[in-house]
Amino acid sequence: MIKVGLIGCGFMGAMHANCYNNIKDATVVAVADVRREKAEELAKLSGAEIYATGRELIEKADVDVIDICLPTYLHAEHALLAMDKVKYVFVEKPVTLTLDEGKALIEKAEKTGAQVQVGQVIRFWDEYVELAKIIKSGKLGKVVNANFRRLSPLPTWGWENWLFDIKKSGGAGQDLHVHDIDYVLSQFGEPKQFFSAKSVLGRENDYVSTLMKYDDFVVSVEGTWALPGTYPFTATFRVVFEKGVVENQGGKFLCYTDGGVEEIKIEKVQLEGGVSGGNVSDLGGYYNELVYFCDKAAKGEKVEQATVQDAVASLDFLLRELAYKA
C-alpha cells in the first residue's frame, strides 16, 4: 500500500484526494493545509492525519510519496524539501513559477535520485491519449493543421484569489494555456517558428493565442480565463489530417472522412466522488495520471511520462511565448 502525503487541500487537492480514494493500492495517510477546515474535509475520506503546514508534513509524516497541490509560487520550496524525504514526488502544474526554480528541481532530482511527475494532466486525459494514438498510427496520414482551445470563466475558487496575482500564478498564460502547449510539445516537439499575441485590456496574460509553425504543418493554441462565470469551461481540439479530421467538441469525439462521420468511443473508468467549485469536476485524467504515478512508486520504476524535465521544457517555451513581441 502506497502511503500518500497530500500538501494543499483546496480544489486541486480535493481532486487528488478523491482520485487516491479510487486507487486500491494507495491511501492518503497525511494531509496539510493552513486552513484547518479544508484539511479536515479531506482527512475524513481516508482517516488521514492532519498537519498545519506542508513543511510539518514533510518533516514528520510517515509517507512513501508526497503530492504537492499548493499555489504555483510555493511549488519549488516544497518540492525541494520533499525530494529529501521521499523518492517519489508529484507536483501540480505549472511545475514552478520561474525557469530558475524549474532547473533547481531538475538538479535536485538528479542529485537525490527522486522521481518527479508533474500534473500536466492533458497527457493522461482519455480523448487526448486517443488523439496521440491516432497521430502516431499514421492511419489518417500526416497532420496538416491543428487547433487547441482552452476557455474558462474567471478562476474565483483560488485561495485568497492567488490565481489573479500574476506574481504568484503567472496568469492564465502560465496556469491554463500551459496545458495545451505541453501537449503540443509532447506530440510534435519544438516548432521551427512561433508567433504569439496576448490580451492588452484586462489583467496581464488573461488571453494568449499562439501560432506554431513546423516543417509542413501549423498548430494554433488559444487560452483564456477572462470569461463570465456563466460561460462553460471548454477544452477542445480539431486536428486536420491528410485523410480526415478528428475533433473533440461539444461533448463528442468525432472522426470525419470522405467515407462518413464516426464517433470515437472511449470506455472510461467509473469513479466515486467528485469536486465542485472549480472549472473541471471530472476526475478522469487526474485519476489516470495518479494511477500511473502510484504504479511507478509501487514498482520502484522511473517516471517516464510528464517528467519534471518535460514540464520545465514546456515552461521554458511558455515563458518565451509570453515574452514574445512582434
C-alpha atoms as a PDB file:
ATOM      1  CA  MET A   1       0.000   0.000   0.000  1.00  0.00           C
ATOM      2  CA  ILE A   2       1.403   3.380  -1.059  1.00  0.00           C
ATOM      3  CA  LYS A   3       1.135   5.905   1.773  1.00  0.00           C
ATOM      4  CA  VAL A   4       0.441   9.356   0.351  1.00  0.00           C
ATOM      5  CA  GLY A   5       1.163  12.711   1.952  1.00  0.00           C
ATOM      6  CA  LEU A   6      -1.023  15.404   0.329  1.00  0.00           C
ATOM      7  CA  ILE A   7       0.002  19.036   0.705  1.00  0.00           C
ATOM      8  CA  GLY A   8      -2.695  21.551  -0.215  1.00  0.00           C
ATOM      9  CA  CYS A   9      -6.367  20.740   0.341  1.00  0.00           C
ATOM     10  CA  GLY A  10      -8.082  23.224  -1.956  1.00  0.00           C
ATOM     11  CA  PHE A  11      -9.819  22.483  -5.250  1.00  0.00           C
ATOM     12  CA  MET A  12      -6.958  20.508  -6.811  1.00  0.00           C
ATOM     13  CA  GLY A  13      -6.035  18.801  -3.566  1.00  0.00           C
ATOM     14  CA  ALA A  14      -9.634  17.610  -3.283  1.00  0.00           C
ATOM     15  CA  MET A  15      -9.429  16.294  -6.850  1.00  0.00           C
ATOM     16  CA  HIS A  16      -6.341  14.295  -5.964  1.00  0.00           C
ATOM     17  CA  ALA A  17      -7.727  13.027  -2.661  1.00  0.00           C
ATOM     18  CA  ASN A  18     -10.827  11.677  -4.404  1.00  0.00           C
ATOM     19  CA  CYS A  19      -8.644  10.022  -7.036  1.00  0.00           C
ATOM     20  CA  TYR A  20      -6.476   8.289  -4.429  1.00  0.00           C
ATOM     21  CA  ASN A  21      -9.712   7.141  -2.795  1.00  0.00           C
ATOM     22  CA  ASN A  22     -10.417   5.239  -6.035  1.00  0.00           C
ATOM     23  CA  ILE A  23      -6.948   3.653  -6.262  1.00  0.00           C
ATOM     24  CA  LYS A  24      -6.989   0.402  -4.300  1.00  0.00           C
ATOM     25  CA  ASP A  25      -3.241   0.259  -3.629  1.00  0.00           C
ATOM     26  CA  ALA A  26      -2.890   3.844  -2.387  1.00  0.00           C
ATOM     27  CA  THR A  27      -4.223   5.762   0.579  1.00  0.00           C
ATOM     28  CA  VAL A  28      -3.807   9.328   1.800  1.00  0.00           C
ATOM     29  CA  VAL A  29      -2.402   9.000   5.318  1.00  0.00           C
ATOM     30  CA  ALA A  30      -1.411  12.636   5.857  1.00  0.00           C
ATOM     31  CA  VAL A  31      -2.801  15.981   4.694  1.00  0.00           C
ATOM     32  CA  ALA A  32      -1.618  19.533   5.245  1.00  0.00           C
ATOM     33  CA  ASP A  33      -3.208  22.931   4.744  1.00  0.00           C
ATOM     34  CA  VAL A  34      -3.011  26.254   6.553  1.00  0.00           C
ATOM     35  CA  ARG A  35      -6.829  26.177   6.515  1.00  0.00           C
ATOM     36  CA  ARG A  36      -7.669  23.565   9.132  1.00  0.00           C
ATOM     37  CA  GLU A  37     -11.242  23.138   7.888  1.00  0.00           C
ATOM     38  CA  LYS A  38     -10.050  22.211   4.376  1.00  0.00           C
ATOM     39  CA  ALA A  39      -7.611  19.658   5.745  1.00  0.00           C
ATOM     40  CA  GLU A  40     -10.357  18.152   7.913  1.00  0.00           C
ATOM     41  CA  GLU A  41     -12.642  17.701   4.900  1.00  0.00           C
ATOM     42  CA  LEU A  42     -10.088  15.606   3.034  1.00  0.00           C
ATOM     43  CA  ALA A  43      -8.830  13.790   6.114  1.00  0.00           C
ATOM     44  CA  LYS A  44     -12.311  12.297   6.525  1.00  0.00           C
ATOM     45  CA  LEU A  45     -12.003  10.429   3.221  1.00  0.00           C
ATOM     46  CA  SER A  46      -9.269   8.113   4.480  1.00  0.00           C
ATOM     47  CA  GLY A  47      -8.732   8.890   8.151  1.00  0.00           C
ATOM     48  CA  ALA A  48      -5.599  10.857   7.364  1.00  0.00           C
ATOM     49  CA  GLU A  49      -3.515  12.638   9.968  1.00  0.00           C
ATOM     50  CA  ILE A  50      -3.641  16.439   9.728  1.00  0.00           C
ATOM     51  CA  TYR A  51      -0.612  18.732   9.684  1.00  0.00           C
ATOM     52  CA  ALA A  52      -0.698  22.514   9.912  1.00  0.00           C
ATOM     53  CA  THR A  53       1.783  23.142   7.090  1.00  0.00           C
ATOM     54  CA  GLY A  54       3.445  21.350   4.230  1.00  0.00           C
ATOM     55  CA  ARG A  55       6.810  21.678   5.909  1.00  0.00           C
ATOM     56  CA  GLU A  56       5.484  19.950   9.026  1.00  0.00           C
ATOM     57  CA  LEU A  57       4.085  17.081   6.957  1.00  0.00           C
ATOM     58  CA  ILE A  58       7.397  16.645   5.148  1.00  0.00           C
ATOM     59  CA  GLU A  59       9.305  16.649   8.434  1.00  0.00           C
ATOM     60  CA  LYS A  60       7.033  14.384  10.490  1.00  0.00           C
ATOM     61  CA  ALA A  61       4.659  12.247   8.395  1.00  0.00           C
ATOM     62  CA  ASP A  62       5.312   8.571   7.640  1.00  0.00           C
ATOM     63  CA  VAL A  63       4.693   8.578   3.889  1.00  0.00           C
ATOM     64  CA  ASP A  64       6.009   6.895   0.738  1.00  0.00           C
ATOM     65  CA  VAL A  65       5.145   9.670  -1.715  1.00  0.00           C
ATOM     66  CA  ILE A  66       4.343  13.356  -1.462  1.00  0.00           C
ATOM     67  CA  ASP A  67       1.784  15.123  -3.646  1.00  0.00           C
ATOM     68  CA  ILE A  68       2.020  18.924  -3.810  1.00  0.00           C
ATOM     69  CA  CYS A  69      -1.192  20.762  -4.720  1.00  0.00           C
ATOM     70  CA  LEU A  70      -0.183  24.201  -3.500  1.00  0.00           C
ATOM     71  CA  PRO A  71      -0.312  27.525  -5.382  1.00  0.00           C
ATOM     72  CA  THR A  72       2.405  27.686  -8.051  1.00  0.00           C
ATOM     73  CA  TYR A  73       4.676  30.105  -6.197  1.00  0.00           C
ATOM     74  CA  LEU A  74       5.015  27.543  -3.383  1.00  0.00           C
ATOM     75  CA  HIS A  75       5.847  24.537  -5.590  1.00  0.00           C
ATOM     76  CA  ALA A  76       9.630  24.849  -5.715  1.00  0.00           C
ATOM     77  CA  GLU A  77      10.128  25.340  -1.977  1.00  0.00           C
ATOM     78  CA  HIS A  78       8.090  22.268  -1.041  1.00  0.00           C
ATOM     79  CA  ALA A  79       9.239  20.035  -3.896  1.00  0.00           C
ATOM     80  CA  LEU A  80      12.896  20.590  -2.999  1.00  0.00           C
ATOM     81  CA  LEU A  81      12.203  19.607   0.614  1.00  0.00           C
ATOM     82  CA  ALA A  82      10.054  16.640  -0.447  1.00  0.00           C
ATOM     83  CA  MET A  83      12.859  15.172  -2.546  1.00  0.00           C
ATOM     84  CA  ASP A  84      14.968  14.865   0.590  1.00  0.00           C
ATOM     85  CA  LYS A  85      12.121  12.991   2.273  1.00  0.00           C
ATOM     86  CA  VAL A  86      10.816  10.529  -0.331  1.00  0.00           C
ATOM     87  CA  LYS A  87      11.819   9.080  -3.704  1.00  0.00           C
ATOM     88  CA  TYR A  88       8.522   9.872  -5.449  1.00  0.00           C
ATOM     89  CA  VAL A  89       7.120  13.389  -5.641  1.00  0.00           C
ATOM     90  CA  PHE A  90       4.118  14.662  -7.569  1.00  0.00           C
ATOM     91  CA  VAL A  91       3.931  18.409  -8.281  1.00  0.00           C
ATOM     92  CA  GLU A  92       0.887  20.112  -9.760  1.00  0.00           C
ATOM     93  CA  LYS A  93       1.293  22.180 -12.911  1.00  0.00           C
ATOM     94  CA  PRO A  94       2.752  24.561 -13.843  1.00  0.00           C
ATOM     95  CA  VAL A  95       5.813  22.951 -12.312  1.00  0.00           C
ATOM     96  CA  THR A  96       7.246  26.232 -10.987  1.00  0.00           C
ATOM     97  CA  LEU A  97       6.791  29.945 -11.397  1.00  0.00           C
ATOM     98  CA  THR A  98      10.251  30.631 -12.841  1.00  0.00           C
ATOM     99  CA  LEU A  99      12.666  28.774 -15.070  1.00  0.00           C
ATOM    100  CA  ASP A 100      15.434  29.003 -12.463  1.00  0.00           C
ATOM    101  CA  GLU A 101      13.171  27.246  -9.950  1.00  0.00           C
ATOM    102  CA  GLY A 102      12.416  24.552 -12.512  1.00  0.00           C
ATOM    103  CA  LYS A 103      16.097  23.968 -13.189  1.00  0.00           C
ATOM    104  CA  ALA A 104      16.701  23.731  -9.433  1.00  0.00           C
ATOM    105  CA  LEU A 105      14.125  20.931  -9.249  1.00  0.00           C
ATOM    106  CA  ILE A 106      15.838  19.027 -12.059  1.00  0.00           C
ATOM    107  CA  GLU A 107      19.221  19.368 -10.348  1.00  0.00           C
ATOM    108  CA  LYS A 108      17.774  18.229  -7.016  1.00  0.00           C
ATOM    109  CA  ALA A 109      16.090  15.221  -8.628  1.00  0.00           C
ATOM    110  CA  GLU A 110      19.364  14.211 -10.273  1.00  0.00           C
ATOM    111  CA  LYS A 111      21.252  14.629  -7.008  1.00  0.00           C
ATOM    112  CA  THR A 112      18.789  12.698  -4.822  1.00  0.00           C
ATOM    113  CA  GLY A 113      17.548  10.184  -7.381  1.00  0.00           C
ATOM    114  CA  ALA A 114      13.974  11.282  -6.707  1.00  0.00           C
ATOM    115  CA  GLN A 115      11.368  10.590  -9.368  1.00  0.00           C
ATOM    116  CA  VAL A 116       9.217  13.642 -10.017  1.00  0.00           C
ATOM    117  CA  GLN A 117       5.980  13.690 -12.001  1.00  0.00           C
ATOM    118  CA  VAL A 118       4.212  16.941 -12.872  1.00  0.00           C
ATOM    119  CA  GLY A 119       0.453  17.382 -13.217  1.00  0.00           C
ATOM    120  CA  GLN A 120       0.386  18.025 -16.956  1.00  0.00           C
ATOM    121  CA  VAL A 121      -2.859  16.096 -16.880  1.00  0.00           C
ATOM    122  CA  ILE A 122      -3.799  16.507 -20.549  1.00  0.00           C
ATOM    123  CA  ARG A 123      -1.178  13.895 -21.438  1.00  0.00           C
ATOM    124  CA  PHE A 124      -3.398  11.451 -19.492  1.00  0.00           C
ATOM    125  CA  TRP A 125      -6.852  12.721 -20.496  1.00  0.00           C
ATOM    126  CA  ASP A 126      -8.674   9.961 -22.404  1.00  0.00           C
ATOM    127  CA  GLU A 127      -9.525  11.942 -25.541  1.00  0.00           C
ATOM    128  CA  TYR A 128      -6.032  13.386 -25.808  1.00  0.00           C
ATOM    129  CA  VAL A 129      -4.483   9.957 -25.230  1.00  0.00           C
ATOM    130  CA  GLU A 130      -6.606   8.605 -28.086  1.00  0.00           C
ATOM    131  CA  LEU A 131      -5.622  11.542 -30.301  1.00  0.00           C
ATOM    132  CA  ALA A 132      -1.952  10.798 -29.613  1.00  0.00           C
ATOM    133  CA  LYS A 133      -2.529   7.201 -30.751  1.00  0.00           C
ATOM    134  CA  ILE A 134      -4.179   8.394 -33.978  1.00  0.00           C
ATOM    135  CA  ILE A 135      -1.298  10.772 -34.699  1.00  0.00           C
ATOM    136  CA  LYS A 136       1.307   8.087 -34.035  1.00  0.00           C
ATOM    137  CA  SER A 137      -0.502   5.422 -36.080  1.00  0.00           C
ATOM    138  CA  GLY A 138      -0.500   7.496 -39.260  1.00  0.00           C
ATOM    139  CA  LYS A 139      -3.793   5.893 -40.313  1.00  0.00           C
ATOM    140  CA  LEU A 140      -5.175   9.296 -41.340  1.00  0.00           C
ATOM    141  CA  GLY A 141      -1.913  10.409 -42.893  1.00  0.00           C
ATOM    142  CA  LYS A 142       0.162  13.378 -41.838  1.00  0.00           C
ATOM    143  CA  VAL A 143      -1.103  16.301 -39.773  1.00  0.00           C
ATOM    144  CA  VAL A 144      -1.994  19.277 -41.981  1.00  0.00           C
ATOM    145  CA  ASN A 145      -3.020  21.713 -39.249  1.00  0.00           C
ATOM    146  CA  ALA A 146      -4.392  21.646 -35.714  1.00  0.00           C
ATOM    147  CA  ASN A 147      -6.178  23.869 -33.227  1.00  0.00           C
ATOM    148  CA  PHE A 148      -6.346  23.569 -29.448  1.00  0.00           C
ATOM    149  CA  ARG A 149      -8.560  25.815 -27.291  1.00  0.00           C
ATOM    150  CA  ARG A 150      -8.998  26.116 -23.537  1.00  0.00           C
ATOM    151  CA  LEU A 151     -11.585  28.653 -22.406  1.00  0.00           C
ATOM    152  CA  SER A 152     -12.578  29.202 -18.798  1.00  0.00           C
ATOM    153  CA  PRO A 153     -14.624  31.507 -16.619  1.00  0.00           C
ATOM    154  CA  LEU A 154     -12.708  33.542 -14.062  1.00  0.00           C
ATOM    155  CA  PRO A 155     -10.991  31.200 -11.550  1.00  0.00           C
ATOM    156  CA  THR A 156     -12.571  32.657  -8.440  1.00  0.00           C
ATOM    157  CA  TRP A 157     -12.008  29.454  -6.461  1.00  0.00           C
ATOM    158  CA  GLY A 158      -8.316  30.115  -5.720  1.00  0.00           C
ATOM    159  CA  TRP A 159      -7.251  30.570  -2.089  1.00  0.00           C
ATOM    160  CA  GLU A 160      -7.191  34.323  -1.359  1.00  0.00           C
ATOM    161  CA  ASN A 161      -7.540  34.853  -5.146  1.00  0.00           C
ATOM    162  CA  TRP A 162      -3.899  33.873  -5.678  1.00  0.00           C
ATOM    163  CA  LEU A 163      -4.611  32.931  -9.294  1.00  0.00           C
ATOM    164  CA  PHE A 164      -5.295  36.583 -10.128  1.00  0.00           C
ATOM    165  CA  ASP A 165      -1.868  37.633  -8.844  1.00  0.00           C
ATOM    166  CA  ILE A 166       0.472  37.190 -11.803  1.00  0.00           C
ATOM    167  CA  LYS A 167       3.473  37.127  -9.442  1.00  0.00           C
ATOM    168  CA  LYS A 168       2.022  34.002  -7.827  1.00  0.00           C
ATOM    169  CA  SER A 169       0.356  32.176 -10.743  1.00  0.00           C
ATOM    170  CA  GLY A 170       1.753  33.609 -13.974  1.00  0.00           C
ATOM    171  CA  GLY A 171      -1.816  34.364 -15.033  1.00  0.00           C
ATOM    172  CA  ALA A 172      -3.935  32.390 -17.495  1.00  0.00           C
ATOM    173  CA  GLY A 173      -0.946  32.012 -19.798  1.00  0.00           C
ATOM    174  CA  GLN A 174       1.092  30.053 -17.305  1.00  0.00           C
ATOM    175  CA  ASP A 175      -1.663  28.347 -15.342  1.00  0.00           C
ATOM    176  CA  LEU A 176      -4.158  27.402 -18.075  1.00  0.00           C
ATOM    177  CA  HIS A 177      -2.609  27.811 -21.538  1.00  0.00           C
ATOM    178  CA  VAL A 178       0.344  25.656 -20.422  1.00  0.00           C
ATOM    179  CA  HIS A 179      -1.858  22.545 -20.654  1.00  0.00           C
ATOM    180  CA  ASP A 180      -2.213  22.696 -24.425  1.00  0.00           C
ATOM    181  CA  ILE A 181       1.320  23.950 -25.025  1.00  0.00           C
ATOM    182  CA  ASP A 182       2.695  20.984 -23.088  1.00  0.00           C
ATOM    183  CA  TYR A 183       0.514  18.586 -25.068  1.00  0.00           C
ATOM    184  CA  VAL A 184       1.509  20.058 -28.431  1.00  0.00           C
ATOM    185  CA  LEU A 185       5.190  19.879 -27.499  1.00  0.00           C
ATOM    186  CA  SER A 186       4.742  16.274 -26.366  1.00  0.00           C
ATOM    187  CA  GLN A 187       3.315  15.336 -29.774  1.00  0.00           C
ATOM    188  CA  PHE A 188       5.261  17.487 -32.203  1.00  0.00           C
ATOM    189  CA  GLY A 189       8.289  18.880 -30.367  1.00  0.00           C
ATOM    190  CA  GLU A 190       9.521  22.466 -30.621  1.00  0.00           C
ATOM    191  CA  PRO A 191       8.172  24.409 -33.598  1.00  0.00           C
ATOM    192  CA  LYS A 192      10.544  25.890 -36.165  1.00  0.00           C
ATOM    193  CA  GLN A 193       8.970  29.279 -35.534  1.00  0.00           C
ATOM    194  CA  PHE A 194       6.143  30.747 -33.485  1.00  0.00           C
ATOM    195  CA  PHE A 195       4.110  33.937 -33.222  1.00  0.00           C
ATOM    196  CA  SER A 196       2.227  34.883 -30.075  1.00  0.00           C
ATOM    197  CA  ALA A 197      -0.215  37.613 -29.015  1.00  0.00           C
ATOM    198  CA  LYS A 198      -1.630  38.427 -25.596  1.00  0.00           C
ATOM    199  CA  SER A 199      -4.600  40.480 -24.427  1.00  0.00           C
ATOM    200  CA  VAL A 200      -3.940  44.190 -23.956  1.00  0.00           C
ATOM    201  CA  LEU A 201      -7.008  45.129 -21.919  1.00  0.00           C
ATOM    202  CA  GLY A 202      -7.697  43.452 -18.577  1.00  0.00           C
ATOM    203  CA  ARG A 203      -5.218  41.518 -16.465  1.00  0.00           C
ATOM    204  CA  GLU A 204      -1.865  40.577 -17.943  1.00  0.00           C
ATOM    205  CA  ASN A 205      -1.814  37.217 -19.742  1.00  0.00           C
ATOM    206  CA  ASP A 206      -5.597  36.781 -19.408  1.00  0.00           C
ATOM    207  CA  TYR A 207      -5.705  35.736 -23.069  1.00  0.00           C
ATOM    208  CA  VAL A 208      -2.957  34.127 -25.133  1.00  0.00           C
ATOM    209  CA  SER A 209      -3.045  32.966 -28.746  1.00  0.00           C
ATOM    210  CA  THR A 210      -0.049  31.334 -30.413  1.00  0.00           C
ATOM    211  CA  LEU A 211       0.653  30.020 -33.911  1.00  0.00           C
ATOM    212  CA  MET A 212       3.332  27.319 -34.046  1.00  0.00           C
ATOM    213  CA  LYS A 213       4.952  26.596 -37.427  1.00  0.00           C
ATOM    214  CA  TYR A 214       6.505  23.217 -38.157  1.00  0.00           C
ATOM    215  CA  ASP A 215       8.123  21.975 -41.383  1.00  0.00           C
ATOM    216  CA  ASP A 216       4.878  21.182 -43.200  1.00  0.00           C
ATOM    217  CA  PHE A 217       2.009  21.999 -40.821  1.00  0.00           C
ATOM    218  CA  VAL A 218       0.849  24.622 -38.328  1.00  0.00           C
ATOM    219  CA  VAL A 219      -0.746  24.445 -34.884  1.00  0.00           C
ATOM    220  CA  SER A 220      -2.748  27.233 -33.226  1.00  0.00           C
ATOM    221  CA  VAL A 221      -3.276  27.302 -29.478  1.00  0.00           C
ATOM    222  CA  GLU A 222      -5.685  29.628 -27.687  1.00  0.00           C
ATOM    223  CA  GLY A 223      -6.277  30.027 -23.965  1.00  0.00           C
ATOM    224  CA  THR A 224      -8.162  32.386 -21.685  1.00  0.00           C
ATOM    225  CA  TRP A 225      -9.880  32.534 -18.324  1.00  0.00           C
ATOM    226  CA  ALA A 226     -11.221  36.072 -18.714  1.00  0.00           C
ATOM    227  CA  LEU A 227     -14.816  34.958 -19.320  1.00  0.00           C
ATOM    228  CA  PRO A 228     -18.021  35.488 -17.287  1.00  0.00           C
ATOM    229  CA  GLY A 229     -18.907  32.982 -14.597  1.00  0.00           C
ATOM    230  CA  THR A 230     -21.834  31.843 -16.724  1.00  0.00           C
ATOM    231  CA  TYR A 231     -19.522  30.754 -19.570  1.00  0.00           C
ATOM    232  CA  PRO A 232     -18.938  26.987 -19.513  1.00  0.00           C
ATOM    233  CA  PHE A 233     -15.387  25.671 -19.259  1.00  0.00           C
ATOM    234  CA  THR A 234     -14.407  24.439 -22.723  1.00  0.00           C
ATOM    235  CA  ALA A 235     -11.396  22.363 -23.810  1.00  0.00           C
ATOM    236  CA  THR A 236     -11.458  21.401 -27.477  1.00  0.00           C
ATOM    237  CA  PHE A 237      -9.239  20.337 -30.319  1.00  0.00           C
ATOM    238  CA  ARG A 238      -9.512  19.897 -34.062  1.00  0.00           C
ATOM    239  CA  VAL A 239      -6.735  18.119 -35.945  1.00  0.00           C
ATOM    240  CA  VAL A 240      -6.813  18.047 -39.745  1.00  0.00           C
ATOM    241  CA  PHE A 241      -5.016  15.115 -41.345  1.00  0.00           C
ATOM    242  CA  GLU A 242      -4.410  14.284 -44.983  1.00  0.00           C
ATOM    243  CA  LYS A 243      -7.238  11.726 -44.900  1.00  0.00           C
ATOM    244  CA  GLY A 244      -9.648  13.135 -42.353  1.00  0.00           C
ATOM    245  CA  VAL A 245     -10.385  15.358 -39.384  1.00  0.00           C
ATOM    246  CA  VAL A 246     -10.533  14.437 -35.698  1.00  0.00           C
ATOM    247  CA  GLU A 247     -12.440  16.819 -33.445  1.00  0.00           C
ATOM    248  CA  ASN A 248     -13.354  16.865 -29.772  1.00  0.00           C
ATOM    249  CA  GLN A 249     -16.035  19.482 -29.166  1.00  0.00           C
ATOM    250  CA  GLY A 250     -19.490  19.811 -27.656  1.00  0.00           C
ATOM    251  CA  GLY A 251     -19.116  16.601 -25.688  1.00  0.00           C
ATOM    252  CA  LYS A 252     -18.488  14.494 -28.788  1.00  0.00           C
ATOM    253  CA  PHE A 253     -15.289  12.963 -30.120  1.00  0.00           C
ATOM    254  CA  LEU A 254     -15.689  12.586 -33.881  1.00  0.00           C
ATOM    255  CA  CYS A 255     -13.666  11.481 -36.901  1.00  0.00           C
ATOM    256  CA  TYR A 256     -14.674  12.927 -40.282  1.00  0.00           C
ATOM    257  CA  THR A 257     -13.538  11.246 -43.507  1.00  0.00           C
ATOM    258  CA  ASP A 258     -14.862  11.078 -47.070  1.00  0.00           C
ATOM    259  CA  GLY A 259     -16.481   7.816 -46.017  1.00  0.00           C
ATOM    260  CA  GLY A 260     -18.619   9.455 -43.329  1.00  0.00           C
ATOM    261  CA  VAL A 261     -18.593  10.539 -39.696  1.00  0.00           C
ATOM    262  CA  GLU A 262     -17.604   8.151 -36.923  1.00  0.00           C
ATOM    263  CA  GLU A 263     -17.954   8.795 -33.206  1.00  0.00           C
ATOM    264  CA  ILE A 264     -14.850   7.604 -31.404  1.00  0.00           C
ATOM    265  CA  LYS A 265     -15.977   5.723 -28.318  1.00  0.00           C
ATOM    266  CA  ILE A 266     -13.810   5.678 -25.225  1.00  0.00           C
ATOM    267  CA  GLU A 267     -14.529   3.386 -22.297  1.00  0.00           C
ATOM    268  CA  LYS A 268     -13.924   5.391 -19.145  1.00  0.00           C
ATOM    269  CA  VAL A 269     -13.336   4.116 -15.632  1.00  0.00           C
ATOM    270  CA  GLN A 270     -16.313   4.684 -13.339  1.00  0.00           C
ATOM    271  CA  LEU A 271     -15.135   6.628 -10.300  1.00  0.00           C
ATOM    272  CA  GLU A 272     -16.640   7.511  -6.954  1.00  0.00           C
ATOM    273  CA  GLY A 273     -16.590  11.088  -5.713  1.00  0.00           C
ATOM    274  CA  GLY A 274     -16.226  14.411  -7.455  1.00  0.00           C
ATOM    275  CA  VAL A 275     -15.305  18.007  -6.821  1.00  0.00           C
ATOM    276  CA  SER A 276     -17.197  21.230  -7.335  1.00  0.00           C
ATOM    277  CA  GLY A 277     -16.086  24.842  -7.188  1.00  0.00           C
ATOM    278  CA  GLY A 278     -13.534  24.784  -9.995  1.00  0.00           C
ATOM    279  CA  ASN A 279     -13.676  24.615 -13.758  1.00  0.00           C
ATOM    280  CA  VAL A 280     -13.498  20.801 -14.054  1.00  0.00           C
ATOM    281  CA  SER A 281     -15.286  18.183 -11.931  1.00  0.00           C
ATOM    282  CA  ASP A 282     -14.358  15.081 -13.965  1.00  0.00           C
ATOM    283  CA  LEU A 283     -11.745  13.001 -12.129  1.00  0.00           C
ATOM    284  CA  GLY A 284     -10.811  11.031 -15.270  1.00  0.00           C
ATOM    285  CA  GLY A 285      -7.461  12.483 -16.345  1.00  0.00           C
ATOM    286  CA  TYR A 286      -6.419  13.184 -12.769  1.00  0.00           C
ATOM    287  CA  TYR A 287      -7.169   9.580 -11.848  1.00  0.00           C
ATOM    288  CA  ASN A 288      -5.191   8.281 -14.840  1.00  0.00           C
ATOM    289  CA  GLU A 289      -2.101  10.314 -14.026  1.00  0.00           C
ATOM    290  CA  LEU A 290      -2.150   9.319 -10.350  1.00  0.00           C
ATOM    291  CA  VAL A 291      -2.655   5.639 -11.190  1.00  0.00           C
ATOM    292  CA  TYR A 292       0.481   5.906 -13.328  1.00  0.00           C
ATOM    293  CA  PHE A 293       2.363   7.735 -10.548  1.00  0.00           C
ATOM    294  CA  CYS A 294       1.368   5.225  -7.853  1.00  0.00           C
ATOM    295  CA  ASP A 295       2.224   2.287 -10.106  1.00  0.00           C
ATOM    296  CA  LYS A 296       5.722   3.658 -10.687  1.00  0.00           C
ATOM    297  CA  ALA A 297       6.183   4.240  -6.962  1.00  0.00           C
ATOM    298  CA  ALA A 298       4.945   0.753  -6.068  1.00  0.00           C
ATOM    299  CA  LYS A 299       7.326  -0.855  -8.558  1.00  0.00           C
ATOM    300  CA  GLY A 300      10.247   1.467  -7.816  1.00  0.00           C
ATOM    301  CA  GLU A 301      10.448   2.398 -11.501  1.00  0.00           C
ATOM    302  CA  LYS A 302      11.409   5.615 -13.280  1.00  0.00           C
ATOM    303  CA  VAL A 303       8.715   8.142 -14.076  1.00  0.00           C
ATOM    304  CA  GLU A 304       8.780   8.464 -17.859  1.00  0.00           C
ATOM    305  CA  GLN A 305       5.636  10.479 -18.587  1.00  0.00           C
ATOM    306  CA  ALA A 306       5.068  14.116 -17.584  1.00  0.00           C
ATOM    307  CA  THR A 307       8.523  14.254 -16.036  1.00  0.00           C
ATOM    308  CA  VAL A 308       9.988  17.309 -14.360  1.00  0.00           C
ATOM    309  CA  GLN A 309      12.254  17.686 -17.397  1.00  0.00           C
ATOM    310  CA  ASP A 310       9.206  17.680 -19.705  1.00  0.00           C
ATOM    311  CA  ALA A 311       7.448  20.258 -17.561  1.00  0.00           C
ATOM    312  CA  VAL A 312      10.429  22.594 -17.362  1.00  0.00           C
ATOM    313  CA  ALA A 313      10.826  22.415 -21.156  1.00  0.00           C
ATOM    314  CA  SER A 314       7.159  23.382 -21.535  1.00  0.00           C
ATOM    315  CA  LEU A 315       7.600  26.205 -19.022  1.00  0.00           C
ATOM    316  CA  ASP A 316      10.622  27.434 -20.956  1.00  0.00           C
ATOM    317  CA  PHE A 317       8.637  27.594 -24.204  1.00  0.00           C
ATOM    318  CA  LEU A 318       5.665  29.194 -22.474  1.00  0.00           C
ATOM    319  CA  LEU A 319       7.748  31.960 -20.952  1.00  0.00           C
ATOM    320  CA  ARG A 320       9.213  32.678 -24.366  1.00  0.00           C
ATOM    321  CA  GLU A 321       5.670  32.870 -25.708  1.00  0.00           C
ATOM    322  CA  LEU A 322       4.622  35.365 -23.054  1.00  0.00           C
ATOM    323  CA  ALA A 323       7.706  37.481 -23.719  1.00  0.00           C
ATOM    324  CA  TYR A 324       7.169  37.427 -27.495  1.00  0.00           C
ATOM    325  CA  LYS A 325       6.964  40.789 -29.242  1.00  0.00           C
ATOM    326  CA  ALA A 326       6.206  41.137 -32.951  1.00  0.00           C
END
